[in-house]
Amino acid sequence: MYKKAFLALSIGILFLAASILASLTTAKTVLNGISTTALVLEVKTNVNYTSQSTKNSLKLEYQCGDSTIRTSWTKPSSTYHEEGSELRAFCNPNDPEDIAIIDGTVYGFAAFLIFSILIVIGGIFLLKKAIKISAKKKKLKEIGTPILLEIDSLKATGVVMNNKREYLIKVNYKGEILTSDEPIYYQPNNGKITVYINTIDPSEYWIDTKSIIEEE
């Protein structure tokens, strides 16, 4: 559980840092810039056959706060615009050649940023869950009664880690189906497993997924 939490947090933080760095210059230009309309004079396309990706640079004509007509090339982007089209943009009055196009690129940065934040939130949720399960395990090992029960069934969670499917173990205790908090990543043969149960309050239990005794 901790492994999944730290993996999600690491990926989320990495994506978050990448999205912030990628959008920092554009965001600064938009926030501090002057709104203008840019005319696409020319489109230069570069194809990367290794990554199978296409990047487009635009030669733009626009005004930036004065009557001077300026031209500059944008940074490469996967978004394509036709020559002769007009685009909404923001330019930096202190550096008129610094221009940001308000198109799919900017919205893509925003979507990527939101996606990264959601991954981080998911990682925090998994970490809190892992801490809660760890406390529950410690408590039940101290006060619970260990009982060896037959494995009733496995429940696939839909999660795949290192090309291995994740399963939760189900056992039957006095007619009640109990489900493990911690997953396993293989399908054991029918066998038995140790369950720590609070006999005063049987709703409190912990299934020790490392105690599986498979049938031969």
N, C-alpha and C. Protein backbone atom coordinates (compact mmCIF):
# COMPACT_ATOMS: atom_id res chain seq x y z
N MET A 1 0.83 -1.21 0.00
CA MET A 1 0.00 0.00 0.00
C MET A 1 0.86 1.26 0.00
N TYR A 2 1.93 1.24 0.84
CA TYR A 2 2.83 2.39 0.86
C TYR A 2 3.50 2.57 -0.50
N LYS A 3 3.83 1.45 -1.14
CA LYS A 3 4.51 1.50 -2.44
C LYS A 3 3.64 2.22 -3.47
N LYS A 4 2.34 1.88 -3.50
CA LYS A 4 1.43 2.54 -4.43
C LYS A 4 1.29 4.03 -4.12
N ALA A 5 1.22 4.34 -2.83
CA ALA A 5 1.06 5.74 -2.42
C ALA A 5 2.26 6.57 -2.83
N PHE A 6 3.46 6.06 -2.54
CA PHE A 6 4.68 6.81 -2.88
C PHE A 6 4.87 6.89 -4.39
N LEU A 7 4.46 5.84 -5.12
CA LEU A 7 4.56 5.85 -6.58
C LEU A 7 3.66 6.93 -7.16
N ALA A 8 2.41 6.98 -6.68
CA ALA A 8 1.46 7.99 -7.16
C ALA A 8 1.95 9.40 -6.81
N LEU A 9 2.45 9.57 -5.59
CA LEU A 9 2.96 10.88 -5.18
C LEU A 9 4.16 11.30 -6.02
N SER A 10 5.07 10.36 -6.28
CA SER A 10 6.27 10.67 -7.06
C SER A 10 5.90 11.08 -8.48
N ILE A 11 5.01 10.30 -9.11
CA ILE A 11 4.59 10.61 -10.48
C ILE A 11 3.85 11.95 -10.51
N GLY A 12 2.95 12.15 -9.55
CA GLY A 12 2.19 13.40 -9.51
C GLY A 12 3.07 14.62 -9.33
N ILE A 13 4.04 14.53 -8.40
CA ILE A 13 4.95 15.66 -8.16
C ILE A 13 5.82 15.91 -9.39
N LEU A 14 6.27 14.83 -10.05
CA LEU A 14 7.09 14.96 -11.25
C LEU A 14 6.30 15.65 -12.36
N PHE A 15 5.07 15.19 -12.59
CA PHE A 15 4.21 15.81 -13.61
C PHE A 15 3.90 17.26 -13.25
N LEU A 16 3.66 17.50 -11.95
CA LEU A 16 3.33 18.84 -11.50
C LEU A 16 4.49 19.80 -11.77
N ALA A 17 5.70 19.36 -11.43
CA ALA A 17 6.89 20.19 -11.67
C ALA A 17 7.09 20.45 -13.15
N ALA A 18 6.89 19.40 -13.97
CA ALA A 18 7.07 19.54 -15.42
C ALA A 18 6.05 20.51 -16.01
N SER A 19 4.79 20.40 -15.56
CA SER A 19 3.75 21.28 -16.10
C SER A 19 3.96 22.73 -15.68
N ILE A 20 4.43 22.92 -14.44
CA ILE A 20 4.70 24.29 -13.97
C ILE A 20 5.85 24.91 -14.75
N LEU A 21 6.93 24.15 -14.94
CA LEU A 21 8.08 24.66 -15.68
C LEU A 21 7.72 24.95 -17.13
N ALA A 22 6.92 24.05 -17.72
CA ALA A 22 6.56 24.21 -19.13
C ALA A 22 5.65 25.40 -19.37
N SER A 23 4.80 25.70 -18.39
CA SER A 23 3.82 26.78 -18.58
C SER A 23 4.22 28.10 -17.93
N LEU A 24 5.36 28.11 -17.21
CA LEU A 24 5.74 29.30 -16.45
C LEU A 24 5.93 30.53 -17.34
N THR A 25 6.69 30.37 -18.42
CA THR A 25 6.95 31.50 -19.32
C THR A 25 5.67 31.98 -19.98
N THR A 26 4.87 31.03 -20.46
CA THR A 26 3.61 31.38 -21.11
C THR A 26 2.67 32.09 -20.15
N ALA A 27 2.55 31.56 -18.93
CA ALA A 27 1.66 32.16 -17.94
C ALA A 27 2.10 33.57 -17.58
N LYS A 28 3.41 33.78 -17.46
CA LYS A 28 3.94 35.11 -17.13
C LYS A 28 3.59 36.11 -18.22
N THR A 29 3.73 35.68 -19.48
CA THR A 29 3.42 36.57 -20.61
C THR A 29 1.94 36.90 -20.64
N VAL A 30 1.09 35.90 -20.38
CA VAL A 30 -0.36 36.12 -20.40
C VAL A 30 -0.78 37.05 -19.27
N LEU A 31 -0.25 36.83 -18.06
CA LEU A 31 -0.65 37.63 -16.91
C LEU A 31 -0.16 39.07 -17.00
N ASN A 32 1.04 39.28 -17.53
CA ASN A 32 1.63 40.62 -17.58
C ASN A 32 1.57 41.25 -18.97
N GLY A 33 1.02 40.52 -19.92
CA GLY A 33 1.08 40.98 -21.31
C GLY A 33 -0.10 41.82 -21.75
N ILE A 34 -0.04 42.21 -23.03
CA ILE A 34 -1.08 43.02 -23.67
C ILE A 34 -1.80 42.14 -24.68
N SER A 35 -3.13 42.17 -24.64
CA SER A 35 -3.91 41.38 -25.58
C SER A 35 -3.76 41.94 -27.00
N THR A 36 -3.60 41.05 -27.95
CA THR A 36 -3.44 41.47 -29.34
C THR A 36 -3.95 40.38 -30.26
N THR A 37 -4.05 40.71 -31.55
CA THR A 37 -4.42 39.72 -32.56
C THR A 37 -3.22 39.51 -33.48
N ALA A 38 -2.83 38.26 -33.65
CA ALA A 38 -1.66 37.94 -34.47
C ALA A 38 -2.08 37.24 -35.75
N LEU A 39 -1.47 37.66 -36.85
CA LEU A 39 -1.73 37.05 -38.16
C LEU A 39 -0.64 36.02 -38.45
N VAL A 40 -1.03 34.82 -38.83
CA VAL A 40 -0.06 33.77 -39.15
C VAL A 40 0.46 33.98 -40.57
N LEU A 41 1.74 34.36 -40.68
CA LEU A 41 2.35 34.60 -42.00
C LEU A 41 2.92 33.31 -42.59
N GLU A 42 3.47 32.48 -41.73
CA GLU A 42 4.15 31.28 -42.22
C GLU A 42 4.14 30.20 -41.15
N VAL A 43 4.10 28.95 -41.58
CA VAL A 43 4.14 27.82 -40.66
C VAL A 43 5.33 26.93 -41.02
N LYS A 44 6.17 26.67 -40.02
CA LYS A 44 7.33 25.79 -40.24
C LYS A 44 7.10 24.52 -39.42
N THR A 45 7.07 23.37 -40.12
CA THR A 45 6.78 22.09 -39.47
C THR A 45 8.02 21.21 -39.42
N ASN A 46 8.28 20.67 -38.23
CA ASN A 46 9.38 19.72 -38.04
C ASN A 46 8.82 18.40 -37.53
N VAL A 47 9.21 17.31 -38.19
CA VAL A 47 8.73 15.98 -37.82
C VAL A 47 9.85 15.19 -37.15
N ASN A 48 9.56 14.66 -35.97
CA ASN A 48 10.50 13.80 -35.27
C ASN A 48 10.06 12.35 -35.51
N TYR A 49 10.79 11.66 -36.39
CA TYR A 49 10.39 10.31 -36.77
C TYR A 49 10.65 9.30 -35.65
N THR A 50 11.55 9.64 -34.75
CA THR A 50 11.84 8.73 -33.63
C THR A 50 10.66 8.66 -32.66
N SER A 51 10.16 9.84 -32.28
CA SER A 51 9.03 9.89 -31.34
C SER A 51 7.68 9.99 -32.05
N GLN A 52 7.71 10.01 -33.40
CA GLN A 52 6.49 10.11 -34.20
C GLN A 52 5.65 11.33 -33.79
N SER A 53 6.33 12.46 -33.61
CA SER A 53 5.63 13.69 -33.21
C SER A 53 5.94 14.81 -34.19
N THR A 54 5.02 15.77 -34.26
CA THR A 54 5.17 16.91 -35.15
C THR A 54 5.12 18.20 -34.35
N LYS A 55 6.04 19.11 -34.61
CA LYS A 55 6.08 20.41 -33.95
C LYS A 55 5.98 21.51 -35.00
N ASN A 56 5.18 22.53 -34.68
CA ASN A 56 4.97 23.64 -35.61
C ASN A 56 5.41 24.96 -34.99
N SER A 57 6.17 25.73 -35.75
CA SER A 57 6.54 27.09 -35.34
C SER A 57 5.82 28.06 -36.26
N LEU A 58 5.31 29.15 -35.68
CA LEU A 58 4.53 30.12 -36.45
C LEU A 58 5.28 31.44 -36.57
N LYS A 59 5.27 32.00 -37.76
CA LYS A 59 5.77 33.36 -37.95
C LYS A 59 4.56 34.28 -37.88
N LEU A 60 4.55 35.16 -36.87
CA LEU A 60 3.38 35.98 -36.60
C LEU A 60 3.64 37.46 -36.88
N GLU A 61 2.57 38.13 -37.26
CA GLU A 61 2.61 39.58 -37.44
C GLU A 61 1.57 40.17 -36.50
N TYR A 62 1.97 41.18 -35.71
CA TYR A 62 1.06 41.71 -34.70
C TYR A 62 1.56 43.06 -34.19
N GLN A 63 0.70 43.73 -33.42
CA GLN A 63 1.07 44.96 -32.74
C GLN A 63 1.14 44.69 -31.24
N CYS A 64 2.11 45.33 -30.59
CA CYS A 64 2.27 45.11 -29.15
C CYS A 64 2.27 46.45 -28.42
N GLY A 65 1.10 47.03 -28.25
CA GLY A 65 0.96 48.25 -27.47
C GLY A 65 1.30 49.54 -28.20
N ASP A 66 1.78 49.48 -29.42
CA ASP A 66 2.06 50.69 -30.19
C ASP A 66 1.69 50.42 -31.64
N SER A 67 2.03 51.34 -32.50
CA SER A 67 1.63 51.22 -33.91
C SER A 67 2.62 50.39 -34.73
N THR A 68 3.70 49.94 -34.09
CA THR A 68 4.73 49.19 -34.82
C THR A 68 4.24 47.78 -35.15
N ILE A 69 4.35 47.40 -36.41
CA ILE A 69 4.02 46.04 -36.82
C ILE A 69 5.25 45.17 -36.57
N ARG A 70 5.08 44.12 -35.83
CA ARG A 70 6.21 43.26 -35.49
C ARG A 70 6.00 41.85 -36.02
N THR A 71 7.09 41.16 -36.23
CA THR A 71 7.03 39.75 -36.62
C THR A 71 7.98 38.95 -35.73
N SER A 72 7.56 37.76 -35.36
CA SER A 72 8.43 36.88 -34.57
C SER A 72 7.96 35.45 -34.74
N TRP A 73 8.86 34.53 -34.42
CA TRP A 73 8.55 33.10 -34.49
C TRP A 73 8.19 32.60 -33.09
N THR A 74 7.16 31.76 -33.03
CA THR A 74 6.77 31.16 -31.75
C THR A 74 7.63 29.94 -31.46
N LYS A 75 7.60 29.51 -30.20
CA LYS A 75 8.27 28.26 -29.84
C LYS A 75 7.51 27.09 -30.46
N PRO A 76 8.20 26.00 -30.79
CA PRO A 76 7.52 24.84 -31.40
C PRO A 76 6.38 24.32 -30.53
N SER A 77 5.29 23.96 -31.19
CA SER A 77 4.11 23.45 -30.51
C SER A 77 3.47 22.38 -31.37
N SER A 78 2.74 21.46 -30.74
CA SER A 78 2.06 20.40 -31.49
C SER A 78 0.79 20.92 -32.17
N THR A 79 0.35 22.13 -31.79
CA THR A 79 -0.86 22.71 -32.37
C THR A 79 -0.56 23.30 -33.75
N TYR A 80 -1.46 23.05 -34.70
CA TYR A 80 -1.26 23.55 -36.07
C TYR A 80 -2.27 24.66 -36.37
N HIS A 81 -1.79 25.70 -37.07
CA HIS A 81 -2.65 26.79 -37.52
C HIS A 81 -2.38 27.07 -38.99
N GLU A 82 -3.43 27.37 -39.73
CA GLU A 82 -3.30 27.66 -41.16
C GLU A 82 -2.65 29.03 -41.37
N GLU A 83 -1.87 29.14 -42.45
CA GLU A 83 -1.34 30.45 -42.83
C GLU A 83 -2.50 31.38 -43.18
N GLY A 84 -2.43 32.62 -42.72
CA GLY A 84 -3.49 33.58 -42.97
C GLY A 84 -4.53 33.65 -41.87
N SER A 85 -4.48 32.71 -40.91
CA SER A 85 -5.45 32.74 -39.82
C SER A 85 -5.05 33.76 -38.76
N GLU A 86 -6.04 34.27 -38.03
CA GLU A 86 -5.78 35.24 -36.97
C GLU A 86 -5.96 34.57 -35.61
N LEU A 87 -5.03 34.86 -34.72
CA LEU A 87 -5.03 34.20 -33.42
C LEU A 87 -5.06 35.22 -32.29
N ARG A 88 -5.75 34.87 -31.22
CA ARG A 88 -5.72 35.70 -30.02
C ARG A 88 -4.40 35.44 -29.31
N ALA A 89 -3.73 36.50 -28.88
CA ALA A 89 -2.41 36.34 -28.26
C ALA A 89 -2.18 37.40 -27.20
N PHE A 90 -1.14 37.20 -26.41
CA PHE A 90 -0.67 38.19 -25.45
C PHE A 90 0.82 38.42 -25.70
N CYS A 91 1.23 39.69 -25.72
CA CYS A 91 2.65 40.00 -25.92
C CYS A 91 3.18 40.78 -24.73
N ASN A 92 4.47 40.67 -24.52
CA ASN A 92 5.14 41.34 -23.42
C ASN A 92 5.57 42.74 -23.88
N PRO A 93 5.02 43.83 -23.30
CA PRO A 93 5.37 45.17 -23.76
C PRO A 93 6.85 45.52 -23.56
N ASN A 94 7.49 44.86 -22.60
CA ASN A 94 8.92 45.10 -22.37
C ASN A 94 9.81 44.28 -23.30
N ASP A 95 9.24 43.26 -23.87
CA ASP A 95 9.95 42.41 -24.84
C ASP A 95 8.93 41.96 -25.88
N PRO A 96 8.60 42.84 -26.84
CA PRO A 96 7.52 42.59 -27.79
C PRO A 96 7.60 41.27 -28.56
N GLU A 97 8.80 40.72 -28.68
CA GLU A 97 8.92 39.45 -29.40
C GLU A 97 8.50 38.25 -28.53
N ASP A 98 8.28 38.51 -27.25
CA ASP A 98 7.79 37.47 -26.34
C ASP A 98 6.27 37.45 -26.45
N ILE A 99 5.75 36.45 -27.15
CA ILE A 99 4.31 36.39 -27.42
C ILE A 99 3.78 35.00 -27.08
N ALA A 100 2.59 34.96 -26.50
CA ALA A 100 1.96 33.69 -26.12
C ALA A 100 0.63 33.58 -26.84
N ILE A 101 0.43 32.47 -27.54
CA ILE A 101 -0.81 32.23 -28.27
C ILE A 101 -1.80 31.55 -27.33
N ILE A 102 -3.02 32.05 -27.31
CA ILE A 102 -4.08 31.43 -26.50
C ILE A 102 -4.78 30.41 -27.37
N ASP A 103 -4.32 29.18 -27.30
CA ASP A 103 -4.91 28.11 -28.11
C ASP A 103 -4.84 26.82 -27.31
N GLY A 104 -4.88 25.70 -28.02
CA GLY A 104 -4.86 24.41 -27.35
C GLY A 104 -3.63 24.19 -26.50
N THR A 105 -2.52 24.87 -26.84
CA THR A 105 -1.28 24.69 -26.07
C THR A 105 -1.46 25.16 -24.63
N VAL A 106 -2.01 26.37 -24.48
CA VAL A 106 -2.22 26.92 -23.13
C VAL A 106 -3.23 26.09 -22.36
N TYR A 107 -4.33 25.73 -23.04
CA TYR A 107 -5.35 24.93 -22.37
C TYR A 107 -4.80 23.53 -22.04
N GLY A 108 -3.90 23.05 -22.90
CA GLY A 108 -3.26 21.76 -22.63
C GLY A 108 -2.42 21.82 -21.38
N PHE A 109 -1.68 22.92 -21.20
CA PHE A 109 -0.88 23.11 -19.98
C PHE A 109 -1.80 23.09 -18.75
N ALA A 110 -2.93 23.78 -18.86
CA ALA A 110 -3.87 23.85 -17.73
C ALA A 110 -4.43 22.47 -17.40
N ALA A 111 -4.80 21.71 -18.46
CA ALA A 111 -5.34 20.37 -18.25
C ALA A 111 -4.28 19.46 -17.62
N PHE A 112 -3.04 19.57 -18.09
CA PHE A 112 -1.95 18.75 -17.57
C PHE A 112 -1.68 19.10 -16.11
N LEU A 113 -1.78 20.40 -15.78
CA LEU A 113 -1.57 20.85 -14.41
C LEU A 113 -2.64 20.28 -13.48
N ILE A 114 -3.90 20.34 -13.92
CA ILE A 114 -5.01 19.81 -13.13
C ILE A 114 -4.85 18.30 -12.94
N PHE A 115 -4.46 17.61 -14.04
CA PHE A 115 -4.25 16.17 -13.99
C PHE A 115 -3.16 15.82 -12.97
N SER A 116 -2.08 16.60 -12.96
CA SER A 116 -0.97 16.37 -12.03
C SER A 116 -1.41 16.56 -10.59
N ILE A 117 -2.20 17.61 -10.35
CA ILE A 117 -2.71 17.88 -9.00
C ILE A 117 -3.60 16.73 -8.52
N LEU A 118 -4.43 16.20 -9.42
CA LEU A 118 -5.31 15.08 -9.06
C LEU A 118 -4.50 13.84 -8.70
N ILE A 119 -3.39 13.60 -9.42
CA ILE A 119 -2.53 12.46 -9.09
C ILE A 119 -1.92 12.63 -7.70
N VAL A 120 -1.46 13.86 -7.39
CA VAL A 120 -0.89 14.13 -6.07
C VAL A 120 -1.94 13.92 -4.98
N ILE A 121 -3.16 14.40 -5.22
CA ILE A 121 -4.24 14.21 -4.25
C ILE A 121 -4.52 12.72 -4.06
N GLY A 122 -4.53 11.97 -5.18
CA GLY A 122 -4.72 10.52 -5.09
C GLY A 122 -3.63 9.85 -4.29
N GLY A 123 -2.38 10.31 -4.47
CA GLY A 123 -1.26 9.77 -3.72
C GLY A 123 -1.39 10.05 -2.23
N ILE A 124 -1.83 11.26 -1.89
CA ILE A 124 -2.04 11.62 -0.48
C ILE A 124 -3.13 10.74 0.14
N PHE A 125 -4.20 10.51 -0.63
CA PHE A 125 -5.30 9.66 -0.17
C PHE A 125 -4.79 8.23 0.10
N LEU A 126 -3.99 7.69 -0.84
CA LEU A 126 -3.45 6.34 -0.66
C LEU A 126 -2.50 6.27 0.54
N LEU A 127 -1.73 7.35 0.75
CA LEU A 127 -0.80 7.38 1.88
C LEU A 127 -1.57 7.37 3.21
N LYS A 128 -2.64 8.17 3.28
CA LYS A 128 -3.47 8.21 4.49
C LYS A 128 -4.11 6.84 4.74
N LYS A 129 -4.54 6.21 3.64
CA LYS A 129 -5.15 4.88 3.76
C LYS A 129 -4.13 3.86 4.25
N ALA A 130 -2.89 3.96 3.73
CA ALA A 130 -1.83 3.03 4.14
C ALA A 130 -1.51 3.19 5.62
N ILE A 131 -1.47 4.43 6.09
CA ILE A 131 -1.19 4.70 7.51
C ILE A 131 -2.31 4.13 8.39
N LYS A 132 -3.55 4.29 7.93
CA LYS A 132 -4.71 3.78 8.67
C LYS A 132 -4.68 2.25 8.75
N ILE A 133 -4.34 1.60 7.61
CA ILE A 133 -4.26 0.14 7.58
C ILE A 133 -3.14 -0.36 8.48
N SER A 134 -2.01 0.36 8.47
CA SER A 134 -0.87 -0.02 9.31
C SER A 134 -1.24 0.03 10.79
N ALA A 135 -1.98 1.07 11.19
CA ALA A 135 -2.42 1.19 12.59
C ALA A 135 -3.41 0.08 12.95
N LYS A 136 -4.29 -0.23 12.00
CA LYS A 136 -5.28 -1.29 12.21
C LYS A 136 -4.58 -2.64 12.37
N LYS A 137 -3.57 -2.89 11.53
CA LYS A 137 -2.81 -4.14 11.60
C LYS A 137 -2.15 -4.30 12.97
N LYS A 138 -1.51 -3.23 13.42
CA LYS A 138 -0.81 -3.26 14.71
C LYS A 138 -1.79 -3.54 15.85
N LYS A 139 -2.94 -2.87 15.81
CA LYS A 139 -3.94 -3.03 16.87
C LYS A 139 -4.49 -4.46 16.90
N LEU A 140 -4.88 -4.98 15.72
CA LEU A 140 -5.50 -6.31 15.69
C LEU A 140 -4.50 -7.41 16.02
N LYS A 141 -3.22 -7.20 15.71
CA LYS A 141 -2.22 -8.20 16.07
C LYS A 141 -2.04 -8.26 17.59
N GLU A 142 -2.32 -7.12 18.26
CA GLU A 142 -2.18 -7.06 19.72
C GLU A 142 -3.42 -7.59 20.44
N ILE A 143 -4.61 -7.20 19.98
CA ILE A 143 -5.83 -7.56 20.71
C ILE A 143 -6.65 -8.65 20.03
N GLY A 144 -6.37 -8.93 18.76
CA GLY A 144 -7.18 -9.88 18.02
C GLY A 144 -6.79 -11.33 18.29
N THR A 145 -7.74 -12.21 18.00
CA THR A 145 -7.49 -13.65 18.11
C THR A 145 -7.16 -14.20 16.73
N PRO A 146 -5.98 -14.82 16.55
CA PRO A 146 -5.65 -15.37 15.24
C PRO A 146 -6.44 -16.64 14.95
N ILE A 147 -7.12 -16.64 13.81
CA ILE A 147 -7.94 -17.79 13.42
C ILE A 147 -7.55 -18.18 11.99
N LEU A 148 -7.34 -19.47 11.77
CA LEU A 148 -6.99 -19.96 10.44
C LEU A 148 -8.27 -20.28 9.68
N LEU A 149 -8.53 -19.56 8.59
CA LEU A 149 -9.77 -19.73 7.84
C LEU A 149 -9.48 -20.11 6.39
N GLU A 150 -10.45 -20.78 5.78
CA GLU A 150 -10.34 -21.14 4.37
C GLU A 150 -10.49 -19.88 3.50
N ILE A 151 -9.68 -19.80 2.45
CA ILE A 151 -9.84 -18.71 1.48
C ILE A 151 -11.12 -18.97 0.70
N ASP A 152 -12.05 -18.04 0.76
CA ASP A 152 -13.34 -18.21 0.09
C ASP A 152 -13.24 -17.88 -1.39
N SER A 153 -12.65 -16.72 -1.70
CA SER A 153 -12.54 -16.29 -3.10
C SER A 153 -11.56 -15.12 -3.21
N LEU A 154 -11.29 -14.72 -4.44
CA LEU A 154 -10.45 -13.56 -4.71
C LEU A 154 -11.27 -12.51 -5.44
N LYS A 155 -10.99 -11.25 -5.15
CA LYS A 155 -11.68 -10.15 -5.83
C LYS A 155 -10.65 -9.32 -6.59
N ALA A 156 -10.78 -9.27 -7.91
CA ALA A 156 -9.87 -8.46 -8.73
C ALA A 156 -10.21 -6.99 -8.55
N THR A 157 -9.21 -6.16 -8.27
CA THR A 157 -9.45 -4.73 -8.05
C THR A 157 -9.39 -3.93 -9.35
N GLY A 158 -8.82 -4.53 -10.40
CA GLY A 158 -8.65 -3.80 -11.66
C GLY A 158 -7.31 -3.09 -11.75
N VAL A 159 -6.55 -3.10 -10.64
CA VAL A 159 -5.23 -2.47 -10.62
C VAL A 159 -4.18 -3.46 -11.10
N VAL A 160 -3.22 -2.96 -11.90
CA VAL A 160 -2.11 -3.79 -12.38
C VAL A 160 -0.80 -3.12 -11.98
N MET A 161 0.06 -3.86 -11.28
CA MET A 161 1.37 -3.36 -10.86
C MET A 161 2.44 -4.28 -11.42
N ASN A 162 3.38 -3.71 -12.20
CA ASN A 162 4.46 -4.51 -12.80
C ASN A 162 3.90 -5.70 -13.57
N ASN A 163 2.84 -5.43 -14.34
CA ASN A 163 2.19 -6.46 -15.17
C ASN A 163 1.55 -7.58 -14.35
N LYS A 164 1.29 -7.32 -13.07
CA LYS A 164 0.63 -8.30 -12.22
C LYS A 164 -0.70 -7.73 -11.74
N ARG A 165 -1.75 -8.54 -11.85
CA ARG A 165 -3.07 -8.10 -11.41
C ARG A 165 -3.17 -8.12 -9.88
N GLU A 166 -3.94 -7.16 -9.36
CA GLU A 166 -4.11 -7.04 -7.91
C GLU A 166 -5.41 -7.71 -7.47
N TYR A 167 -5.32 -8.47 -6.38
CA TYR A 167 -6.50 -9.16 -5.85
C TYR A 167 -6.64 -8.91 -4.35
N LEU A 168 -7.89 -8.89 -3.88
CA LEU A 168 -8.19 -8.87 -2.45
C LEU A 168 -8.71 -10.25 -2.08
N ILE A 169 -8.38 -10.69 -0.88
CA ILE A 169 -8.78 -12.03 -0.43
C ILE A 169 -10.07 -11.95 0.37
N LYS A 170 -10.99 -12.89 0.10
CA LYS A 170 -12.24 -12.97 0.85
C LYS A 170 -12.26 -14.28 1.64
N VAL A 171 -12.71 -14.18 2.89
CA VAL A 171 -12.88 -15.37 3.73
C VAL A 171 -14.27 -15.35 4.36
N ASN A 172 -14.74 -16.52 4.76
CA ASN A 172 -16.05 -16.63 5.39
C ASN A 172 -15.86 -16.90 6.88
N TYR A 173 -16.38 -15.99 7.70
CA TYR A 173 -16.30 -16.16 9.15
C TYR A 173 -17.71 -16.11 9.73
N LYS A 174 -18.21 -17.28 10.15
CA LYS A 174 -19.55 -17.40 10.74
C LYS A 174 -20.63 -16.78 9.85
N GLY A 175 -20.52 -17.05 8.55
CA GLY A 175 -21.52 -16.57 7.60
C GLY A 175 -21.28 -15.18 7.07
N GLU A 176 -20.28 -14.48 7.62
CA GLU A 176 -19.95 -13.14 7.16
C GLU A 176 -18.71 -13.20 6.25
N ILE A 177 -18.78 -12.48 5.12
CA ILE A 177 -17.65 -12.43 4.20
C ILE A 177 -16.73 -11.27 4.60
N LEU A 178 -15.49 -11.59 4.91
CA LEU A 178 -14.49 -10.59 5.28
C LEU A 178 -13.52 -10.41 4.12
N THR A 179 -13.13 -9.16 3.86
CA THR A 179 -12.25 -8.84 2.73
C THR A 179 -10.96 -8.21 3.24
N SER A 180 -9.84 -8.63 2.68
CA SER A 180 -8.53 -8.12 3.11
C SER A 180 -8.36 -6.65 2.74
N ASP A 181 -7.64 -5.92 3.59
CA ASP A 181 -7.30 -4.53 3.29
C ASP A 181 -6.13 -4.46 2.32
N GLU A 182 -5.18 -5.37 2.51
CA GLU A 182 -3.98 -5.38 1.68
C GLU A 182 -4.16 -6.37 0.52
N PRO A 183 -3.64 -6.01 -0.65
CA PRO A 183 -3.82 -6.88 -1.82
C PRO A 183 -2.69 -7.90 -1.96
N ILE A 184 -2.92 -8.87 -2.84
CA ILE A 184 -1.86 -9.77 -3.28
C ILE A 184 -1.80 -9.67 -4.80
N TYR A 185 -0.71 -10.14 -5.39
CA TYR A 185 -0.52 -9.98 -6.84
C TYR A 185 -0.32 -11.32 -7.54
N TYR A 186 -1.00 -12.33 -7.03
CA TYR A 186 -1.00 -13.64 -7.68
C TYR A 186 -2.27 -14.36 -7.26
N GLN A 187 -2.58 -15.47 -7.92
CA GLN A 187 -3.76 -16.25 -7.58
C GLN A 187 -3.32 -17.55 -6.91
N PRO A 188 -3.44 -17.61 -5.59
CA PRO A 188 -3.01 -18.83 -4.89
C PRO A 188 -3.98 -19.97 -5.11
N ASN A 189 -3.48 -21.19 -4.95
CA ASN A 189 -4.37 -22.34 -4.96
C ASN A 189 -5.25 -22.26 -3.71
N ASN A 190 -6.34 -23.00 -3.72
CA ASN A 190 -7.20 -23.00 -2.54
C ASN A 190 -6.37 -23.33 -1.31
N GLY A 191 -6.60 -22.60 -0.25
CA GLY A 191 -5.81 -22.82 0.96
C GLY A 191 -6.40 -22.08 2.14
N LYS A 192 -5.56 -21.86 3.14
CA LYS A 192 -6.00 -21.18 4.36
C LYS A 192 -5.16 -19.94 4.61
N ILE A 193 -5.71 -19.05 5.43
CA ILE A 193 -5.04 -17.79 5.74
C ILE A 193 -5.38 -17.39 7.18
N THR A 194 -4.45 -16.72 7.84
CA THR A 194 -4.67 -16.29 9.22
C THR A 194 -5.42 -14.95 9.25
N VAL A 195 -6.46 -14.92 10.05
CA VAL A 195 -7.26 -13.70 10.23
C VAL A 195 -7.26 -13.34 11.71
N TYR A 196 -6.90 -12.10 12.02
CA TYR A 196 -6.93 -11.61 13.41
C TYR A 196 -8.27 -10.92 13.62
N ILE A 197 -9.06 -11.47 14.55
CA ILE A 197 -10.42 -10.97 14.76
C ILE A 197 -10.61 -10.52 16.21
N ASN A 198 -11.23 -9.35 16.35
CA ASN A 198 -11.62 -8.88 17.68
C ASN A 198 -12.90 -9.63 18.05
N THR A 199 -12.79 -10.60 18.92
CA THR A 199 -13.94 -11.45 19.24
C THR A 199 -15.06 -10.69 19.94
N ILE A 200 -14.73 -9.55 20.55
CA ILE A 200 -15.76 -8.71 21.17
C ILE A 200 -16.53 -7.95 20.10
N ASP A 201 -15.81 -7.48 19.09
CA ASP A 201 -16.42 -6.76 17.97
C ASP A 201 -15.86 -7.36 16.67
N PRO A 202 -16.50 -8.43 16.16
CA PRO A 202 -15.99 -9.13 14.97
C PRO A 202 -15.90 -8.27 13.70
N SER A 203 -16.50 -7.07 13.74
CA SER A 203 -16.38 -6.20 12.56
C SER A 203 -14.97 -5.64 12.44
N GLU A 204 -14.20 -5.78 13.54
CA GLU A 204 -12.80 -5.38 13.53
C GLU A 204 -11.95 -6.62 13.25
N TYR A 205 -11.29 -6.63 12.12
CA TYR A 205 -10.46 -7.79 11.75
C TYR A 205 -9.34 -7.33 10.82
N TRP A 206 -8.34 -8.19 10.72
CA TRP A 206 -7.26 -7.94 9.76
C TRP A 206 -6.81 -9.27 9.18
N ILE A 207 -6.82 -9.35 7.86
CA ILE A 207 -6.42 -10.57 7.16
C ILE A 207 -4.94 -10.47 6.81
N ASP A 208 -4.15 -11.39 7.34
CA ASP A 208 -2.70 -11.38 7.11
C ASP A 208 -2.41 -12.03 5.76
N THR A 209 -2.23 -11.21 4.74
CA THR A 209 -2.03 -11.73 3.37
C THR A 209 -0.69 -12.44 3.19
N LYS A 210 0.20 -12.31 4.18
CA LYS A 210 1.50 -12.99 4.09
C LYS A 210 1.47 -14.37 4.77
N SER A 211 0.30 -14.76 5.27
CA SER A 211 0.21 -16.02 6.01
C SER A 211 -0.50 -17.12 5.22
N ILE A 212 -0.62 -16.95 3.91
CA ILE A 212 -1.35 -17.92 3.09
C ILE A 212 -0.66 -19.28 3.11
N ILE A 213 -1.45 -20.31 3.37
CA ILE A 213 -0.97 -21.70 3.29
C ILE A 213 -1.72 -22.35 2.14
N GLU A 214 -1.05 -22.51 1.02
CA GLU A 214 -1.71 -23.06 -0.17
C GLU A 214 -1.84 -24.58 -0.07
N GLU A 215 -2.92 -25.09 -0.68
CA GLU A 215 -3.10 -26.53 -0.76
C GLU A 215 -2.15 -27.09 -1.80
N GLU A 216 -1.60 -28.22 -1.52
CA GLU A 216 -0.67 -28.85 -2.47
C GLU A 216 -1.45 -29.63 -3.52
